[in-house]
Amino acid sequence: MKRNILRMAATGAVLGLVLGLGACGGGGGGGRSTGALTPQQSRYVGTLDTYKKQVDERVLAANRSAVSADAPQPMLRSVVVVAFVIDGGGRLLNASVYRTNGDDEVERTALNSLRRAAPLPPPPPELLDRSGRVELMESWLFNTDGRFQLRSVAATQRDD
């Protein structure tokens, strides 16, 4: 069940990115909507968001020279969505590109930046599935200079 919860949350995040909505597919306003999640499922969303931010901070810290210090530019070079699996100890078990525009260079950069950050922070026990793993997705936002930010912690995109 937890695996389905995480997949639903990740799918909502991807749909939100595509549709320009909040992290879980919510509409306007500052809050995050849990969309079609049940109350039992929605209790994990805050924990998932907090954990994703911890993972993102580790990725950014391990890749400082490749990270953009500025807000994402209005027209991005690429958005690379990476799906990855972490075990209970924080080991990166698997990572693959889930969605991309086909830019091989930035796909490699996204995957390598995640691998360079390993081991990742151990996930909270309530996020682990029966196999002791958690599946996540994150979006790498690439500017034309090849530097990136991670969607979950990125500054608001510039409109210039």
C-alpha atoms as a PDB file:
ATOM      1  CA  MET A   1       0.000   0.000   0.000  1.00  0.00           C
ATOM      2  CA  LYS A   2       2.821   2.424   0.849  1.00  0.00           C
ATOM      3  CA  ARG A   3       4.351   1.758  -2.565  1.00  0.00           C
ATOM      4  CA  ASN A   4       1.070   2.778  -4.207  1.00  0.00           C
ATOM      5  CA  ILE A   5       0.903   5.890  -2.028  1.00  0.00           C
ATOM      6  CA  LEU A   6       4.376   6.934  -3.117  1.00  0.00           C
ATOM      7  CA  ARG A   7       3.609   6.220  -6.772  1.00  0.00           C
ATOM      8  CA  MET A   8       0.444   8.304  -6.526  1.00  0.00           C
ATOM      9  CA  ALA A   9       2.352  11.168  -4.917  1.00  0.00           C
ATOM     10  CA  ALA A  10       5.124  10.935  -7.523  1.00  0.00           C
ATOM     11  CA  THR A  11       2.600  10.806 -10.349  1.00  0.00           C
ATOM     12  CA  GLY A  12       0.882  13.847  -8.891  1.00  0.00           C
ATOM     13  CA  ALA A  13       4.219  15.660  -8.766  1.00  0.00           C
ATOM     14  CA  VAL A  14       4.932  14.851 -12.425  1.00  0.00           C
ATOM     15  CA  LEU A  15       1.427  15.900 -13.479  1.00  0.00           C
ATOM     16  CA  GLY A  16       1.777  19.045 -11.406  1.00  0.00           C
ATOM     17  CA  LEU A  17       5.040  19.858 -13.169  1.00  0.00           C
ATOM     18  CA  VAL A  18       3.524  19.259 -16.595  1.00  0.00           C
ATOM     19  CA  LEU A  19       0.370  21.226 -15.790  1.00  0.00           C
ATOM     20  CA  GLY A  20       2.174  23.913 -13.787  1.00  0.00           C
ATOM     21  CA  LEU A  21       0.412  23.008 -10.550  1.00  0.00           C
ATOM     22  CA  GLY A  22       1.649  22.291  -7.029  1.00  0.00           C
ATOM     23  CA  ALA A  23       3.710  19.273  -6.040  1.00  0.00           C
ATOM     24  CA  CYS A  24       0.742  16.933  -5.683  1.00  0.00           C
ATOM     25  CA  GLY A  25      -1.436  18.237  -8.484  1.00  0.00           C
ATOM     26  CA  GLY A  26      -3.168  20.927  -6.464  1.00  0.00           C
ATOM     27  CA  GLY A  27      -4.600  24.095  -7.867  1.00  0.00           C
ATOM     28  CA  GLY A  28      -3.785  27.669  -7.003  1.00  0.00           C
ATOM     29  CA  GLY A  29      -3.078  29.014  -3.563  1.00  0.00           C
ATOM     30  CA  GLY A  30      -0.084  28.365  -1.372  1.00  0.00           C
ATOM     31  CA  GLY A  31      -1.143  25.010   0.052  1.00  0.00           C
ATOM     32  CA  ARG A  32      -0.543  21.609  -1.406  1.00  0.00           C
ATOM     33  CA  SER A  33      -3.518  19.553  -2.397  1.00  0.00           C
ATOM     34  CA  THR A  34      -3.440  15.800  -2.009  1.00  0.00           C
ATOM     35  CA  GLY A  35      -5.803  15.383  -4.956  1.00  0.00           C
ATOM     36  CA  ALA A  36      -7.416  11.926  -4.989  1.00  0.00           C
ATOM     37  CA  LEU A  37      -5.480  10.533  -2.017  1.00  0.00           C
ATOM     38  CA  THR A  38      -7.495   9.107   0.858  1.00  0.00           C
ATOM     39  CA  PRO A  39      -6.964  10.587   4.360  1.00  0.00           C
ATOM     40  CA  GLN A  40      -4.906   7.507   5.283  1.00  0.00           C
ATOM     41  CA  GLN A  41      -2.682   7.984   2.222  1.00  0.00           C
ATOM     42  CA  SER A  42      -2.388  11.743   2.596  1.00  0.00           C
ATOM     43  CA  ARG A  43      -0.735  11.437   6.025  1.00  0.00           C
ATOM     44  CA  TYR A  44       2.434  10.254   4.239  1.00  0.00           C
ATOM     45  CA  VAL A  45       2.607  13.189   1.822  1.00  0.00           C
ATOM     46  CA  GLY A  46       4.205  15.596   4.328  1.00  0.00           C
ATOM     47  CA  THR A  47       6.733  12.958   5.348  1.00  0.00           C
ATOM     48  CA  LEU A  48       7.490  12.246   1.688  1.00  0.00           C
ATOM     49  CA  ASP A  49       7.958  15.951   0.871  1.00  0.00           C
ATOM     50  CA  THR A  50      10.271  16.397   3.869  1.00  0.00           C
ATOM     51  CA  TYR A  51      12.326  13.364   2.911  1.00  0.00           C
ATOM     52  CA  LYS A  52      12.571  14.451  -0.742  1.00  0.00           C
ATOM     53  CA  LYS A  53      13.933  17.802   0.422  1.00  0.00           C
ATOM     54  CA  GLN A  54      16.596  16.010   2.485  1.00  0.00           C
ATOM     55  CA  VAL A  55      17.584  13.946  -0.556  1.00  0.00           C
ATOM     56  CA  ASP A  56      17.618  17.076  -2.730  1.00  0.00           C
ATOM     57  CA  GLU A  57      19.840  18.902  -0.258  1.00  0.00           C
ATOM     58  CA  ARG A  58      22.306  15.994  -0.365  1.00  0.00           C
ATOM     59  CA  VAL A  59      22.304  15.995  -4.190  1.00  0.00           C
ATOM     60  CA  LEU A  60      22.853  19.750  -4.334  1.00  0.00           C
ATOM     61  CA  ALA A  61      25.649  19.639  -1.739  1.00  0.00           C
ATOM     62  CA  ALA A  62      27.458  16.878  -3.637  1.00  0.00           C
ATOM     63  CA  ASN A  63      27.233  18.756  -6.958  1.00  0.00           C
ATOM     64  CA  ARG A  64      27.818  22.406  -6.065  1.00  0.00           C
ATOM     65  CA  SER A  65      29.666  23.260  -9.287  1.00  0.00           C
ATOM     66  CA  ALA A  66      26.787  21.964 -11.442  1.00  0.00           C
ATOM     67  CA  VAL A  67      24.003  23.692  -9.507  1.00  0.00           C
ATOM     68  CA  SER A  68      22.531  26.980 -10.685  1.00  0.00           C
ATOM     69  CA  ALA A  69      22.522  29.638  -7.982  1.00  0.00           C
ATOM     70  CA  ASP A  70      19.901  31.649  -9.878  1.00  0.00           C
ATOM     71  CA  ALA A  71      16.219  30.964 -10.351  1.00  0.00           C
ATOM     72  CA  PRO A  72      15.438  28.728 -13.332  1.00  0.00           C
ATOM     73  CA  GLN A  73      15.307  30.708 -16.556  1.00  0.00           C
ATOM     74  CA  PRO A  74      11.972  31.168 -18.395  1.00  0.00           C
ATOM     75  CA  MET A  75      12.803  28.725 -21.198  1.00  0.00           C
ATOM     76  CA  LEU A  76      14.661  25.726 -19.791  1.00  0.00           C
ATOM     77  CA  ARG A  77      17.081  23.653 -21.832  1.00  0.00           C
ATOM     78  CA  SER A  78      15.575  20.484 -20.404  1.00  0.00           C
ATOM     79  CA  VAL A  79      13.524  18.967 -17.617  1.00  0.00           C
ATOM     80  CA  VAL A  80      14.736  15.478 -16.714  1.00  0.00           C
ATOM     81  CA  VAL A  81      12.527  13.416 -14.418  1.00  0.00           C
ATOM     82  CA  VAL A  82      14.480  10.657 -12.670  1.00  0.00           C
ATOM     83  CA  ALA A  83      12.873   7.692 -10.924  1.00  0.00           C
ATOM     84  CA  PHE A  84      15.013   6.081  -8.249  1.00  0.00           C
ATOM     85  CA  VAL A  85      14.901   3.487  -5.474  1.00  0.00           C
ATOM     86  CA  ILE A  86      16.536   3.864  -2.056  1.00  0.00           C
ATOM     87  CA  ASP A  87      16.837   1.163   0.594  1.00  0.00           C
ATOM     88  CA  GLY A  88      16.268   1.674   4.310  1.00  0.00           C
ATOM     89  CA  GLY A  89      19.930   2.529   4.853  1.00  0.00           C
ATOM     90  CA  GLY A  90      20.016   5.234   2.187  1.00  0.00           C
ATOM     91  CA  ARG A  91      21.737   3.169  -0.518  1.00  0.00           C
ATOM     92  CA  LEU A  92      20.767   4.113  -4.057  1.00  0.00           C
ATOM     93  CA  LEU A  93      19.617   0.821  -5.580  1.00  0.00           C
ATOM     94  CA  ASN A  94      18.399   1.976  -8.975  1.00  0.00           C
ATOM     95  CA  ALA A  95      18.016   5.183 -10.960  1.00  0.00           C
ATOM     96  CA  SER A  96      16.640   5.744 -14.442  1.00  0.00           C
ATOM     97  CA  VAL A  97      15.344   8.574 -16.575  1.00  0.00           C
ATOM     98  CA  TYR A  98      11.548   8.586 -16.452  1.00  0.00           C
ATOM     99  CA  ARG A  99      10.867  11.557 -18.742  1.00  0.00           C
ATOM    100  CA  THR A 100      13.089  13.805 -20.824  1.00  0.00           C
ATOM    101  CA  ASN A 101      13.328  15.788 -24.033  1.00  0.00           C
ATOM    102  CA  GLY A 102      16.108  13.498 -25.271  1.00  0.00           C
ATOM    103  CA  ASP A 103      19.148  15.623 -24.330  1.00  0.00           C
ATOM    104  CA  ASP A 104      21.651  12.850 -23.543  1.00  0.00           C
ATOM    105  CA  GLU A 105      24.162  15.197 -21.894  1.00  0.00           C
ATOM    106  CA  VAL A 106      21.782  16.501 -19.244  1.00  0.00           C
ATOM    107  CA  GLU A 107      20.296  13.024 -18.713  1.00  0.00           C
ATOM    108  CA  ARG A 108      23.802  11.789 -17.822  1.00  0.00           C
ATOM    109  CA  THR A 109      24.347  14.835 -15.605  1.00  0.00           C
ATOM    110  CA  ALA A 110      21.106  14.172 -13.699  1.00  0.00           C
ATOM    111  CA  LEU A 111      21.860  10.483 -13.140  1.00  0.00           C
ATOM    112  CA  ASN A 112      25.507  11.096 -12.242  1.00  0.00           C
ATOM    113  CA  SER A 113      24.608  13.875  -9.802  1.00  0.00           C
ATOM    114  CA  LEU A 114      22.260  11.507  -7.977  1.00  0.00           C
ATOM    115  CA  ARG A 115      24.873   8.726  -7.884  1.00  0.00           C
ATOM    116  CA  ARG A 116      27.547  11.161  -6.664  1.00  0.00           C
ATOM    117  CA  ALA A 117      25.292  12.100  -3.723  1.00  0.00           C
ATOM    118  CA  ALA A 118      24.968   8.477  -2.537  1.00  0.00           C
ATOM    119  CA  PRO A 119      24.614   7.252   0.083  1.00  0.00           C
ATOM    120  CA  LEU A 120      21.470   9.302   0.604  1.00  0.00           C
ATOM    121  CA  PRO A 121      19.809  10.031   3.939  1.00  0.00           C
ATOM    122  CA  PRO A 122      18.008   6.938   5.287  1.00  0.00           C
ATOM    123  CA  PRO A 123      14.263   7.263   4.641  1.00  0.00           C
ATOM    124  CA  PRO A 124      11.756   7.327   7.495  1.00  0.00           C
ATOM    125  CA  PRO A 125      10.468   3.791   8.216  1.00  0.00           C
ATOM    126  CA  GLU A 126       6.880   4.768   7.353  1.00  0.00           C
ATOM    127  CA  LEU A 127       7.918   5.428   3.735  1.00  0.00           C
ATOM    128  CA  LEU A 128       9.472   1.991   3.211  1.00  0.00           C
ATOM    129  CA  ASP A 129       7.580  -0.684   1.308  1.00  0.00           C
ATOM    130  CA  ARG A 130       7.517  -4.353   2.356  1.00  0.00           C
ATOM    131  CA  SER A 131      10.922  -4.844   0.747  1.00  0.00           C
ATOM    132  CA  GLY A 132      12.442  -2.062   2.839  1.00  0.00           C
ATOM    133  CA  ARG A 133      12.693   0.365  -0.080  1.00  0.00           C
ATOM    134  CA  VAL A 134      11.220   3.657  -1.174  1.00  0.00           C
ATOM    135  CA  GLU A 135      10.675   4.756  -4.790  1.00  0.00           C
ATOM    136  CA  LEU A 136      10.957   8.476  -5.551  1.00  0.00           C
ATOM    137  CA  MET A 137      10.895  10.795  -8.528  1.00  0.00           C
ATOM    138  CA  GLU A 138      12.531  14.181  -8.868  1.00  0.00           C
ATOM    139  CA  SER A 139      12.817  16.689 -11.694  1.00  0.00           C
ATOM    140  CA  TRP A 140      16.142  18.222 -12.670  1.00  0.00           C
ATOM    141  CA  LEU A 141      15.567  21.683 -14.197  1.00  0.00           C
ATOM    142  CA  PHE A 142      18.410  22.547 -16.600  1.00  0.00           C
ATOM    143  CA  ASN A 143      19.231  26.068 -17.730  1.00  0.00           C
ATOM    144  CA  THR A 144      20.898  26.565 -21.125  1.00  0.00           C
ATOM    145  CA  ASP A 145      24.345  26.681 -19.467  1.00  0.00           C
ATOM    146  CA  GLY A 146      23.883  23.068 -18.280  1.00  0.00           C
ATOM    147  CA  ARG A 147      23.507  23.966 -14.598  1.00  0.00           C
ATOM    148  CA  PHE A 148      20.501  22.607 -12.761  1.00  0.00           C
ATOM    149  CA  GLN A 149      18.135  22.980  -9.849  1.00  0.00           C
ATOM    150  CA  LEU A 150      15.864  20.348  -8.359  1.00  0.00           C
ATOM    151  CA  ARG A 151      12.154  21.070  -8.648  1.00  0.00           C
ATOM    152  CA  SER A 152      11.274  20.289  -5.026  1.00  0.00           C
ATOM    153  CA  VAL A 153      13.630  22.984  -3.727  1.00  0.00           C
ATOM    154  CA  ALA A 154      14.056  25.275  -6.771  1.00  0.00           C
ATOM    155  CA  ALA A 155      13.488  28.988  -6.619  1.00  0.00           C
ATOM    156  CA  THR A 156      10.505  30.356  -8.516  1.00  0.00           C
ATOM    157  CA  GLN A 157      11.147  30.368 -12.249  1.00  0.00           C
ATOM    158  CA  ARG A 158      12.121  33.746 -13.701  1.00  0.00           C
ATOM    159  CA  ASP A 159       9.743  35.410 -16.153  1.00  0.00           C
ATOM    160  CA  ASP A 160      12.176  37.735 -17.966  1.00  0.00           C
END
